[in-house]
C-alpha atoms as a PDB file:
ATOM      1  CA  UNK A   1       4.162   4.204 -87.684  1.00  0.00           C
ATOM      2  CA  UNK A   2       3.777   7.436 -85.774  1.00  0.00           C
ATOM      3  CA  UNK A   3       3.158   7.143 -82.013  1.00  0.00           C
ATOM      4  CA  UNK A   4      -0.166   8.481 -80.765  1.00  0.00           C
ATOM      5  CA  UNK A   5      -1.078   8.783 -77.098  1.00  0.00           C
ATOM      6  CA  UNK A   6      -4.628   7.567 -76.373  1.00  0.00           C
ATOM      7  CA  UNK A   7      -6.475   9.102 -73.412  1.00  0.00           C
ATOM      8  CA  UNK A   8      -9.864   7.525 -72.670  1.00  0.00           C
ATOM      9  CA  UNK A   9     -10.882   9.247 -69.450  1.00  0.00           C
ATOM     10  CA  UNK A  10     -13.459  11.960 -69.049  1.00  0.00           C
ATOM     11  CA  UNK A  11     -13.209  14.532 -66.286  1.00  0.00           C
ATOM     12  CA  UNK A  12     -16.114  14.079 -63.911  1.00  0.00           C
ATOM     13  CA  UNK A  13     -15.919  17.618 -62.497  1.00  0.00           C
ATOM     14  CA  UNK A  14     -17.862  19.181 -65.361  1.00  0.00           C
ATOM     15  CA  UNK A  15     -17.461  20.336 -68.963  1.00  0.00           C
ATOM     16  CA  UNK A  16     -15.516  23.531 -68.160  1.00  0.00           C
ATOM     17  CA  UNK A  17     -12.710  21.591 -66.505  1.00  0.00           C
ATOM     18  CA  UNK A  18     -12.971  18.842 -69.106  1.00  0.00           C
ATOM     19  CA  UNK A  19     -12.487  21.410 -71.886  1.00  0.00           C
ATOM     20  CA  UNK A  20      -9.626  22.983 -69.954  1.00  0.00           C
ATOM     21  CA  UNK A  21      -7.904  19.574 -69.947  1.00  0.00           C
ATOM     22  CA  UNK A  22      -7.997  19.679 -73.761  1.00  0.00           C
ATOM     23  CA  UNK A  23      -6.445  23.158 -73.707  1.00  0.00           C
ATOM     24  CA  UNK A  24      -3.767  22.014 -71.247  1.00  0.00           C
ATOM     25  CA  UNK A  25      -2.973  19.105 -73.582  1.00  0.00           C
ATOM     26  CA  UNK A  26      -2.726  21.543 -76.493  1.00  0.00           C
ATOM     27  CA  UNK A  27      -0.250  23.673 -74.552  1.00  0.00           C
ATOM     28  CA  UNK A  28       1.779  20.614 -73.510  1.00  0.00           C
ATOM     29  CA  UNK A  29       2.070  19.346 -77.089  1.00  0.00           C
ATOM     30  CA  UNK A  30       3.068  22.818 -78.296  1.00  0.00           C
ATOM     31  CA  UNK A  31       5.859  22.932 -75.690  1.00  0.00           C
ATOM     32  CA  UNK A  32       7.047  19.411 -76.577  1.00  0.00           C
ATOM     33  CA  UNK A  33       6.111  18.251 -73.081  1.00  0.00           C
ATOM     34  CA  UNK A  34       3.791  15.615 -74.572  1.00  0.00           C
ATOM     35  CA  UNK A  35       3.469  13.794 -77.859  1.00  0.00           C
ATOM     36  CA  UNK A  36       0.520  13.864 -80.251  1.00  0.00           C
ATOM     37  CA  UNK A  37      -2.586  12.800 -78.350  1.00  0.00           C
ATOM     38  CA  UNK A  38      -6.108  11.553 -79.029  1.00  0.00           C
ATOM     39  CA  UNK A  39      -8.732  11.915 -76.327  1.00  0.00           C
ATOM     40  CA  UNK A  40     -11.845   9.839 -76.911  1.00  0.00           C
ATOM     41  CA  UNK A  41     -14.530   9.720 -74.239  1.00  0.00           C
ATOM     42  CA  UNK A  42     -18.212   9.562 -73.372  1.00  0.00           C
ATOM     43  CA  UNK A  43     -19.273  12.971 -72.033  1.00  0.00           C
ATOM     44  CA  UNK A  44     -22.137  14.059 -69.841  1.00  0.00           C
ATOM     45  CA  UNK A  45     -25.028  16.213 -71.092  1.00  0.00           C
ATOM     46  CA  UNK A  46     -23.654  19.655 -71.925  1.00  0.00           C
ATOM     47  CA  UNK A  47     -24.127  22.402 -74.493  1.00  0.00           C
ATOM     48  CA  UNK A  48     -20.957  23.983 -75.902  1.00  0.00           C
ATOM     49  CA  UNK A  49     -21.315  27.638 -76.845  1.00  0.00           C
ATOM     50  CA  UNK A  50     -18.744  29.669 -78.773  1.00  0.00           C
ATOM     51  CA  UNK A  51     -17.444  33.157 -78.088  1.00  0.00           C
ATOM     52  CA  UNK A  52     -19.502  34.298 -81.071  1.00  0.00           C
ATOM     53  CA  UNK A  53     -22.651  32.857 -79.484  1.00  0.00           C
ATOM     54  CA  UNK A  54     -21.893  34.778 -76.306  1.00  0.00           C
ATOM     55  CA  UNK A  55     -22.103  38.058 -78.201  1.00  0.00           C
ATOM     56  CA  UNK A  56     -25.630  37.389 -79.486  1.00  0.00           C
ATOM     57  CA  UNK A  57     -28.621  39.066 -77.875  1.00  0.00           C
ATOM     58  CA  UNK A  58     -30.337  35.761 -77.058  1.00  0.00           C
ATOM     59  CA  UNK A  59     -27.329  34.142 -75.373  1.00  0.00           C
ATOM     60  CA  UNK A  60     -28.613  34.284 -71.789  1.00  0.00           C
ATOM     61  CA  UNK A  61     -31.956  32.883 -72.885  1.00  0.00           C
ATOM     62  CA  UNK A  62     -30.192  30.060 -74.738  1.00  0.00           C
ATOM     63  CA  UNK A  63     -28.163  29.266 -71.604  1.00  0.00           C
ATOM     64  CA  UNK A  64     -31.319  29.148 -69.488  1.00  0.00           C
ATOM     65  CA  UNK A  65     -32.987  26.810 -71.966  1.00  0.00           C
ATOM     66  CA  UNK A  66     -29.956  24.503 -71.994  1.00  0.00           C
ATOM     67  CA  UNK A  67     -30.000  24.271 -68.214  1.00  0.00           C
ATOM     68  CA  UNK A  68     -33.758  23.666 -68.180  1.00  0.00           C
ATOM     69  CA  UNK A  69     -33.241  20.741 -70.566  1.00  0.00           C
ATOM     70  CA  UNK A  70     -30.568  19.240 -68.284  1.00  0.00           C
ATOM     71  CA  UNK A  71     -27.554  20.285 -70.384  1.00  0.00           C
ATOM     72  CA  UNK A  72     -24.723  22.147 -68.646  1.00  0.00           C
ATOM     73  CA  UNK A  73     -23.667  25.207 -70.692  1.00  0.00           C
ATOM     74  CA  UNK A  74     -19.978  25.986 -71.200  1.00  0.00           C
ATOM     75  CA  UNK A  75     -17.663  27.801 -73.622  1.00  0.00           C
ATOM     76  CA  UNK A  76     -16.007  25.619 -76.213  1.00  0.00           C
ATOM     77  CA  UNK A  77     -12.341  25.648 -77.200  1.00  0.00           C
ATOM     78  CA  UNK A  78     -12.927  26.153 -80.943  1.00  0.00           C
ATOM     79  CA  UNK A  79     -15.210  28.545 -82.806  1.00  0.00           C
ATOM     80  CA  UNK A  80     -18.484  27.920 -84.618  1.00  0.00           C
ATOM     81  CA  UNK A  81     -21.855  27.820 -82.883  1.00  0.00           C
ATOM     82  CA  UNK A  82     -23.601  25.758 -80.212  1.00  0.00           C
ATOM     83  CA  UNK A  83     -23.026  21.989 -80.269  1.00  0.00           C
ATOM     84  CA  UNK A  84     -24.239  19.242 -77.956  1.00  0.00           C
ATOM     85  CA  UNK A  85     -22.377  16.716 -75.826  1.00  0.00           C
ATOM     86  CA  UNK A  86     -24.327  13.826 -74.307  1.00  0.00           C
ATOM     87  CA  UNK A  87     -23.933  10.264 -73.091  1.00  0.00           C
ATOM     88  CA  UNK A  88     -25.020   9.200 -76.569  1.00  0.00           C
ATOM     89  CA  UNK A  89     -22.117  10.978 -78.268  1.00  0.00           C
ATOM     90  CA  UNK A  90     -18.482  10.091 -78.818  1.00  0.00           C
ATOM     91  CA  UNK A  91     -16.355  13.117 -77.959  1.00  0.00           C
ATOM     92  CA  UNK A  92     -12.853  13.346 -79.394  1.00  0.00           C
ATOM     93  CA  UNK A  93      -9.887  15.706 -79.298  1.00  0.00           C
ATOM     94  CA  UNK A  94      -6.894  15.096 -81.568  1.00  0.00           C
ATOM     95  CA  UNK A  95      -3.918  17.261 -80.595  1.00  0.00           C
ATOM     96  CA  UNK A  96      -0.988  17.435 -82.994  1.00  0.00           C
ATOM     97  CA  UNK A  97       2.378  19.160 -83.088  1.00  0.00           C
ATOM     98  CA  UNK A  98       2.537  21.647 -86.000  1.00  0.00           C
ATOM     99  CA  UNK A  99       5.498  23.656 -87.240  1.00  0.00           C
ATOM    100  CA  UNK A 100       3.627  26.299 -89.224  1.00  0.00           C
ATOM    101  CA  UNK A 101       0.292  27.744 -88.084  1.00  0.00           C
ATOM    102  CA  UNK A 102      -0.349  29.197 -91.539  1.00  0.00           C
ATOM    103  CA  UNK A 103      -0.458  25.878 -93.394  1.00  0.00           C
ATOM    104  CA  UNK A 104      -2.198  22.529 -93.106  1.00  0.00           C
ATOM    105  CA  UNK A 105      -5.526  23.721 -91.658  1.00  0.00           C
ATOM    106  CA  UNK A 106      -7.715  22.232 -94.392  1.00  0.00           C
ATOM    107  CA  UNK A 107      -5.528  19.131 -94.644  1.00  0.00           C
ATOM    108  CA  UNK A 108      -6.036  18.382 -90.954  1.00  0.00           C
ATOM    109  CA  UNK A 109      -9.785  18.880 -91.278  1.00  0.00           C
ATOM    110  CA  UNK A 110      -9.896  16.593 -94.329  1.00  0.00           C
ATOM    111  CA  UNK A 111      -7.846  13.924 -92.576  1.00  0.00           C
ATOM    112  CA  UNK A 112     -10.019  13.863 -89.466  1.00  0.00           C
ATOM    113  CA  UNK A 113     -13.342  14.018 -91.321  1.00  0.00           C
ATOM    114  CA  UNK A 114     -12.169  11.244 -93.634  1.00  0.00           C
ATOM    115  CA  UNK A 115     -11.315   9.029 -90.671  1.00  0.00           C
ATOM    116  CA  UNK A 116     -14.699   9.604 -89.060  1.00  0.00           C
ATOM    117  CA  UNK A 117     -16.556   8.913 -92.305  1.00  0.00           C
ATOM    118  CA  UNK A 118     -14.533   5.730 -92.858  1.00  0.00           C
ATOM    119  CA  UNK A 119     -15.254   4.592 -89.292  1.00  0.00           C
ATOM    120  CA  UNK A 120     -18.998   5.063 -89.798  1.00  0.00           C
ATOM    121  CA  UNK A 121     -18.940   3.313 -93.159  1.00  0.00           C
ATOM    122  CA  UNK A 122     -17.235   0.432 -91.365  1.00  0.00           C
ATOM    123  CA  UNK A 123     -20.421   0.244 -89.277  1.00  0.00           C
ATOM    124  CA  UNK A 124     -22.647   0.206 -92.357  1.00  0.00           C
ATOM    125  CA  UNK A 125     -23.559   3.906 -92.504  1.00  0.00           C
ATOM    126  CA  UNK A 126     -23.570   5.775 -95.831  1.00  0.00           C
ATOM    127  CA  UNK A 127     -21.245   8.402 -94.327  1.00  0.00           C
ATOM    128  CA  UNK A 128     -20.103  11.379 -96.384  1.00  0.00           C
ATOM    129  CA  UNK A 129     -18.065  14.522 -95.701  1.00  0.00           C
ATOM    130  CA  UNK A 130     -19.864  17.818 -96.110  1.00  0.00           C
ATOM    131  CA  UNK A 131     -22.485  20.103 -94.609  1.00  0.00           C
ATOM    132  CA  UNK A 132     -26.213  19.427 -94.757  1.00  0.00           C
ATOM    133  CA  UNK A 133     -28.281  22.584 -95.438  1.00  0.00           C
ATOM    134  CA  UNK A 134     -29.807  23.811 -92.184  1.00  0.00           C
ATOM    135  CA  UNK A 135     -27.506  21.812 -89.879  1.00  0.00           C
ATOM    136  CA  UNK A 136     -26.338  23.093 -86.490  1.00  0.00           C
ATOM    137  CA  UNK A 137     -22.820  24.576 -86.355  1.00  0.00           C
ATOM    138  CA  UNK A 138     -22.485  24.149 -90.100  1.00  0.00           C
ATOM    139  CA  UNK A 139     -19.091  23.260 -91.549  1.00  0.00           C
ATOM    140  CA  UNK A 140     -17.553  21.938 -94.736  1.00  0.00           C
ATOM    141  CA  UNK A 141     -16.003  19.068 -92.785  1.00  0.00           C
ATOM    142  CA  UNK A 142     -19.117  17.830 -91.019  1.00  0.00           C
ATOM    143  CA  UNK A 143     -19.880  14.155 -91.586  1.00  0.00           C
ATOM    144  CA  UNK A 144     -23.421  13.273 -92.650  1.00  0.00           C
ATOM    145  CA  UNK A 145     -25.485  10.222 -93.488  1.00  0.00           C
ATOM    146  CA  UNK A 146     -26.553  10.003 -97.141  1.00  0.00           C
ATOM    147  CA  UNK A 147     -26.470  13.793 -97.445  1.00  0.00           C
ATOM    148  CA  UNK A 148     -29.561  13.981 -95.191  1.00  0.00           C
ATOM    149  CA  UNK A 149     -28.566  14.334 -91.540  1.00  0.00           C
ATOM    150  CA  UNK A 150     -25.496  15.495 -89.667  1.00  0.00           C
ATOM    151  CA  UNK A 151     -23.690  12.888 -87.543  1.00  0.00           C
ATOM    152  CA  UNK A 152     -20.416  14.642 -86.668  1.00  0.00           C
ATOM    153  CA  UNK A 153     -19.168  18.178 -86.243  1.00  0.00           C
ATOM    154  CA  UNK A 154     -15.534  19.232 -85.791  1.00  0.00           C
ATOM    155  CA  UNK A 155     -13.687  22.434 -84.913  1.00  0.00           C
ATOM    156  CA  UNK A 156     -10.011  23.357 -84.948  1.00  0.00           C
ATOM    157  CA  UNK A 157      -8.048  25.519 -82.509  1.00  0.00           C
ATOM    158  CA  UNK A 158      -4.501  26.590 -83.344  1.00  0.00           C
ATOM    159  CA  UNK A 159      -1.732  27.962 -81.173  1.00  0.00           C
ATOM    160  CA  UNK A 160       1.940  28.376 -81.994  1.00  0.00           C
ATOM    161  CA  UNK A 161       3.317  24.842 -82.188  1.00  0.00           C
ATOM    162  CA  UNK A 162       0.137  22.747 -82.004  1.00  0.00           C
ATOM    163  CA  UNK A 163      -3.373  22.165 -83.362  1.00  0.00           C
ATOM    164  CA  UNK A 164      -6.450  20.798 -81.628  1.00  0.00           C
ATOM    165  CA  UNK A 165      -9.258  19.148 -83.618  1.00  0.00           C
ATOM    166  CA  UNK A 166     -12.213  18.418 -81.411  1.00  0.00           C
ATOM    167  CA  UNK A 167     -15.819  17.461 -81.868  1.00  0.00           C
ATOM    168  CA  UNK A 168     -18.573  14.945 -81.332  1.00  0.00           C
ATOM    169  CA  UNK A 169     -20.123  12.034 -83.204  1.00  0.00           C
ATOM    170  CA  UNK A 170     -23.795  11.486 -82.381  1.00  0.00           C
ATOM    171  CA  UNK A 171     -24.087   7.747 -81.821  1.00  0.00           C
ATOM    172  CA  UNK A 172     -27.408   7.539 -79.962  1.00  0.00           C
ATOM    173  CA  UNK A 173     -30.157   9.770 -78.538  1.00  0.00           C
ATOM    174  CA  UNK A 174     -30.862  12.014 -81.496  1.00  0.00           C
ATOM    175  CA  UNK A 175     -34.250  13.181 -80.180  1.00  0.00           C
ATOM    176  CA  UNK A 176     -32.848  14.749 -76.995  1.00  0.00           C
ATOM    177  CA  UNK A 177     -30.087  16.490 -78.934  1.00  0.00           C
ATOM    178  CA  UNK A 178     -32.569  17.745 -81.511  1.00  0.00           C
ATOM    179  CA  UNK A 179     -34.727  19.201 -78.749  1.00  0.00           C
ATOM    180  CA  UNK A 180     -32.082  21.170 -76.867  1.00  0.00           C
ATOM    181  CA  UNK A 181     -30.507  22.474 -80.080  1.00  0.00           C
ATOM    182  CA  UNK A 182     -33.903  23.683 -81.302  1.00  0.00           C
ATOM    183  CA  UNK A 183     -34.399  25.633 -78.078  1.00  0.00           C
ATOM    184  CA  UNK A 184     -30.893  27.100 -78.094  1.00  0.00           C
ATOM    185  CA  UNK A 185     -30.809  28.065 -81.762  1.00  0.00           C
ATOM    186  CA  UNK A 186     -34.214  29.707 -81.542  1.00  0.00           C
ATOM    187  CA  UNK A 187     -32.983  31.807 -78.612  1.00  0.00           C
ATOM    188  CA  UNK A 188     -29.793  32.723 -80.468  1.00  0.00           C
ATOM    189  CA  UNK A 189     -31.817  33.565 -83.589  1.00  0.00           C
ATOM    190  CA  UNK A 190     -29.697  31.274 -85.742  1.00  0.00           C
ATOM    191  CA  UNK A 191     -30.986  29.298 -88.709  1.00  0.00           C
ATOM    192  CA  UNK A 192     -31.412  25.622 -87.912  1.00  0.00           C
ATOM    193  CA  UNK A 193     -33.484  22.761 -89.284  1.00  0.00           C
ATOM    194  CA  UNK A 194     -34.088  20.189 -86.500  1.00  0.00           C
ATOM    195  CA  UNK A 195     -34.665  17.395 -89.032  1.00  0.00           C
ATOM    196  CA  UNK A 196     -30.969  17.581 -90.001  1.00  0.00           C
ATOM    197  CA  UNK A 197     -29.886  16.170 -86.617  1.00  0.00           C
ATOM    198  CA  UNK A 198     -29.175  12.474 -86.993  1.00  0.00           C
ATOM    199  CA  UNK A 199     -27.539   9.686 -85.036  1.00  0.00           C
ATOM    200  CA  UNK A 200     -25.738   6.514 -85.995  1.00  0.00           C
ATOM    201  CA  UNK A 201     -28.293   4.290 -84.246  1.00  0.00           C
ATOM    202  CA  UNK A 202     -31.043   5.642 -86.508  1.00  0.00           C
ATOM    203  CA  UNK A 203     -28.992   4.674 -89.562  1.00  0.00           C
ATOM    204  CA  UNK A 204     -27.899   1.304 -88.208  1.00  0.00           C
ATOM    205  CA  UNK A 205     -30.176   0.040 -85.399  1.00  0.00           C
ATOM    206  CA  UNK A 206     -28.279  -1.756 -82.685  1.00  0.00           C
ATOM    207  CA  UNK A 207     -25.055   0.216 -83.205  1.00  0.00           C
ATOM    208  CA  UNK A 208     -24.124   2.101 -80.037  1.00  0.00           C
ATOM    209  CA  UNK A 209     -21.546   4.363 -78.457  1.00  0.00           C
ATOM    210  CA  UNK A 210     -18.919   1.670 -77.919  1.00  0.00           C
ATOM    211  CA  UNK A 211     -19.170   0.498 -81.534  1.00  0.00           C
ATOM    212  CA  UNK A 212     -18.583   4.024 -82.832  1.00  0.00           C
ATOM    213  CA  UNK A 213     -15.655   4.647 -80.478  1.00  0.00           C
ATOM    214  CA  UNK A 214     -14.048   1.330 -81.424  1.00  0.00           C
ATOM    215  CA  UNK A 215     -14.450   1.970 -85.157  1.00  0.00           C
ATOM    216  CA  UNK A 216     -12.871   5.415 -84.808  1.00  0.00           C
ATOM    217  CA  UNK A 217      -9.879   3.971 -82.973  1.00  0.00           C
ATOM    218  CA  UNK A 218      -9.502   1.387 -85.744  1.00  0.00           C
ATOM    219  CA  UNK A 219      -8.985   4.222 -88.218  1.00  0.00           C
ATOM    220  CA  UNK A 220      -6.131   5.622 -86.174  1.00  0.00           C
ATOM    221  CA  UNK A 221      -4.609   2.227 -85.473  1.00  0.00           C
ATOM    222  CA  UNK A 222      -4.091   1.699 -89.204  1.00  0.00           C
ATOM    223  CA  UNK A 223      -1.302   4.298 -89.330  1.00  0.00           C
ATOM    224  CA  UNK A 224      -0.371   5.022 -85.708  1.00  0.00           C
ATOM    225  CA  UNK A 225       1.243   3.150 -82.868  1.00  0.00           C
ATOM    226  CA  UNK A 226      -1.408   3.657 -80.173  1.00  0.00           C
ATOM    227  CA  UNK A 227      -0.034   4.156 -76.660  1.00  0.00           C
ATOM    228  CA  UNK A 228      -2.479   4.031 -73.741  1.00  0.00           C
ATOM    229  CA  UNK A 229      -1.854   6.974 -71.401  1.00  0.00           C
ATOM    230  CA  UNK A 230      -3.529   8.844 -68.583  1.00  0.00           C
ATOM    231  CA  UNK A 231      -3.674  12.401 -67.259  1.00  0.00           C
ATOM    232  CA  UNK A 232      -0.984  13.370 -64.810  1.00  0.00           C
ATOM    233  CA  UNK A 233      -1.480  15.633 -61.810  1.00  0.00           C
ATOM    234  CA  UNK A 234       0.511  18.508 -63.355  1.00  0.00           C
ATOM    235  CA  UNK A 235      -1.748  18.600 -66.405  1.00  0.00           C
ATOM    236  CA  UNK A 236      -4.884  18.570 -64.250  1.00  0.00           C
ATOM    237  CA  UNK A 237      -3.474  21.354 -62.088  1.00  0.00           C
ATOM    238  CA  UNK A 238      -2.830  23.447 -65.200  1.00  0.00           C
ATOM    239  CA  UNK A 239      -6.338  22.707 -66.415  1.00  0.00           C
ATOM    240  CA  UNK A 240      -7.783  23.964 -63.133  1.00  0.00           C
ATOM    241  CA  UNK A 241      -6.241  27.384 -63.744  1.00  0.00           C
ATOM    242  CA  UNK A 242      -7.603  27.473 -67.327  1.00  0.00           C
ATOM    243  CA  UNK A 243     -11.133  26.253 -66.567  1.00  0.00           C
ATOM    244  CA  UNK A 244     -12.632  29.655 -65.594  1.00  0.00           C
ATOM    245  CA  UNK A 245     -12.231  30.736 -69.237  1.00  0.00           C
ATOM    246  CA  UNK A 246     -14.713  28.042 -70.257  1.00  0.00           C
ATOM    247  CA  UNK A 247     -17.283  28.728 -67.546  1.00  0.00           C
ATOM    248  CA  UNK A 248     -20.629  30.344 -68.026  1.00  0.00           C
ATOM    249  CA  UNK A 249     -21.668  31.983 -64.757  1.00  0.00           C
ATOM    250  CA  UNK A 250     -23.050  29.362 -62.444  1.00  0.00           C
ATOM    251  CA  UNK A 251     -22.877  28.193 -58.827  1.00  0.00           C
ATOM    252  CA  UNK A 252     -20.489  25.294 -59.323  1.00  0.00           C
ATOM    253  CA  UNK A 253     -17.502  27.211 -60.590  1.00  0.00           C
ATOM    254  CA  UNK A 254     -17.803  30.741 -59.295  1.00  0.00           C
ATOM    255  CA  UNK A 255     -14.038  30.812 -58.825  1.00  0.00           C
ATOM    256  CA  UNK A 256     -10.959  28.695 -59.461  1.00  0.00           C
ATOM    257  CA  UNK A 257     -10.819  27.281 -55.920  1.00  0.00           C
ATOM    258  CA  UNK A 258     -13.565  24.704 -56.413  1.00  0.00           C
ATOM    259  CA  UNK A 259     -12.023  23.685 -59.747  1.00  0.00           C
ATOM    260  CA  UNK A 260      -8.648  23.126 -58.121  1.00  0.00           C
ATOM    261  CA  UNK A 261     -10.346  20.975 -55.508  1.00  0.00           C
ATOM    262  CA  UNK A 262     -12.046  18.904 -58.209  1.00  0.00           C
ATOM    263  CA  UNK A 263      -8.804  18.589 -60.175  1.00  0.00           C
ATOM    264  CA  UNK A 264      -6.991  17.394 -57.061  1.00  0.00           C
ATOM    265  CA  UNK A 265      -9.671  14.766 -56.436  1.00  0.00           C
ATOM    266  CA  UNK A 266      -9.459  13.507 -60.020  1.00  0.00           C
ATOM    267  CA  UNK A 267      -5.651  13.432 -59.835  1.00  0.00           C
ATOM    268  CA  UNK A 268      -5.725  11.380 -56.629  1.00  0.00           C
ATOM    269  CA  UNK A 269      -8.610   9.034 -57.395  1.00  0.00           C
ATOM    270  CA  UNK A 270      -9.158   9.168 -61.158  1.00  0.00           C
ATOM    271  CA  UNK A 271     -12.550   9.039 -62.842  1.00  0.00           C
ATOM    272  CA  UNK A 272     -13.874   5.689 -64.070  1.00  0.00           C
ATOM    273  CA  UNK A 273     -13.266   4.533 -67.617  1.00  0.00           C
ATOM    274  CA  UNK A 274     -16.184   4.421 -70.030  1.00  0.00           C
END
């Protein structure tokens, strides 16, 4: 079986630095400094905007609405449109070594979406791959429940030598996610039907975040040798230099200095596991 590094920690210093860690992992895999890796973690409340979103006339208004709802805005690593992270979601980032950037894009999407759908079916959900009309950040490789509501969205970022597939599965708290997305999409003047936002707990009452995370890991364990790993200080230091790219103007990260301080703290003390 292929080895796969498992990283379970989240970065407590905020979503910009957390996203930068994913980019630093992508760079490390591309340079053969690290093997294929799967991050799986429970994030804080945040709203991920794309570069495309940033060009829309209502972007600043959408950012203000996200903050007012208690969701920290940041710029995501992949494309698409706004997507939500919350304590009720399972965030994941699968980073793989690739030899040819021009091939395998759809195959990687199909593989990941298939694993997520299988994990949710394991929990009793009628999970299917495909977009639901009116869903947020629509994509052919979304995972839905019974063709009615979206449960998972995924994006892919490619660089020479490696691919990153990252996204979120909504396990719990669908109402809060529905609310902030409605506000943001209205501001961005993007089509969105709030009723298409679902969560696993609505489909299978009693199923929570840990159940979803465990089921997803089961899908990888079937064909990978899972190796528990952790971030090292060099990777966090690299992430601190990348993090400004993922910031949306705000008081916490006005410059790289505060990020480097946060990265140093995390490197020395480590965030708790979830």
